[in-house]
């Protein structure tokens, strides 16, 4: 899902950027699993 390289100044901004990237990746992966029928659609 190749996102851009993070080039923030400061540890907190890097942590926030990485955290948001992980959140978006996990959300998109969950949608894929639902479409494939491998995950329940509603929790």
C-alpha atoms as a PDB file:
ATOM      1  CA  UNK A   1       0.000   0.000   0.000  1.00  0.00           C
ATOM      2  CA  UNK A   2       3.121   2.116  -0.448  1.00  0.00           C
ATOM      3  CA  UNK A   3       2.711   5.389   1.354  1.00  0.00           C
ATOM      4  CA  UNK A   4       5.109   8.298   1.128  1.00  0.00           C
ATOM      5  CA  UNK A   5       8.294   8.480   3.170  1.00  0.00           C
ATOM      6  CA  UNK A   6       7.749  10.454   6.361  1.00  0.00           C
ATOM      7  CA  UNK A   7      10.092  13.400   6.745  1.00  0.00           C
ATOM      8  CA  UNK A   8       8.766  15.244   9.761  1.00  0.00           C
ATOM      9  CA  UNK A   9      10.940  17.243  12.124  1.00  0.00           C
ATOM     10  CA  UNK A  10      10.540  15.985  15.679  1.00  0.00           C
ATOM     11  CA  UNK A  11       9.859  12.650  17.300  1.00  0.00           C
ATOM     12  CA  UNK A  12       6.213  13.397  18.169  1.00  0.00           C
ATOM     13  CA  UNK A  13       5.352  14.345  14.592  1.00  0.00           C
ATOM     14  CA  UNK A  14       7.016  11.188  13.313  1.00  0.00           C
ATOM     15  CA  UNK A  15       5.082   9.099  15.823  1.00  0.00           C
ATOM     16  CA  UNK A  16       1.817  10.765  14.835  1.00  0.00           C
ATOM     17  CA  UNK A  17       2.489  10.287  11.116  1.00  0.00           C
ATOM     18  CA  UNK A  18       3.402   6.635  11.560  1.00  0.00           C
ATOM     19  CA  UNK A  19       0.362   6.059  13.770  1.00  0.00           C
ATOM     20  CA  UNK A  20      -1.984   7.587  11.206  1.00  0.00           C
ATOM     21  CA  UNK A  21      -0.381   5.571   8.405  1.00  0.00           C
ATOM     22  CA  UNK A  22      -0.887   2.378  10.416  1.00  0.00           C
ATOM     23  CA  UNK A  23      -4.501   3.285  11.144  1.00  0.00           C
ATOM     24  CA  UNK A  24      -5.289   3.887   7.473  1.00  0.00           C
ATOM     25  CA  UNK A  25      -3.500   0.685   6.419  1.00  0.00           C
ATOM     26  CA  UNK A  26      -5.400  -1.402   8.980  1.00  0.00           C
ATOM     27  CA  UNK A  27      -8.719   0.129   7.963  1.00  0.00           C
ATOM     28  CA  UNK A  28      -8.113  -0.534   4.256  1.00  0.00           C
ATOM     29  CA  UNK A  29      -6.923  -4.079   5.010  1.00  0.00           C
ATOM     30  CA  UNK A  30     -10.085  -4.735   7.046  1.00  0.00           C
ATOM     31  CA  UNK A  31     -12.224  -3.560   4.123  1.00  0.00           C
ATOM     32  CA  UNK A  32     -10.334  -5.973   1.845  1.00  0.00           C
ATOM     33  CA  UNK A  33     -10.920  -8.856   4.258  1.00  0.00           C
ATOM     34  CA  UNK A  34     -14.634  -8.062   4.424  1.00  0.00           C
ATOM     35  CA  UNK A  35     -14.891  -8.087   0.628  1.00  0.00           C
ATOM     36  CA  UNK A  36     -13.106 -11.447   0.496  1.00  0.00           C
ATOM     37  CA  UNK A  37     -15.475 -12.839   3.153  1.00  0.00           C
ATOM     38  CA  UNK A  38     -12.724 -13.511   5.693  1.00  0.00           C
ATOM     39  CA  UNK A  39     -13.896 -11.030   8.338  1.00  0.00           C
ATOM     40  CA  UNK A  40     -17.307 -10.233   9.815  1.00  0.00           C
ATOM     41  CA  UNK A  41     -18.857  -7.097   8.341  1.00  0.00           C
ATOM     42  CA  UNK A  42     -20.097  -5.652  11.637  1.00  0.00           C
ATOM     43  CA  UNK A  43     -18.625  -5.917  15.066  1.00  0.00           C
END
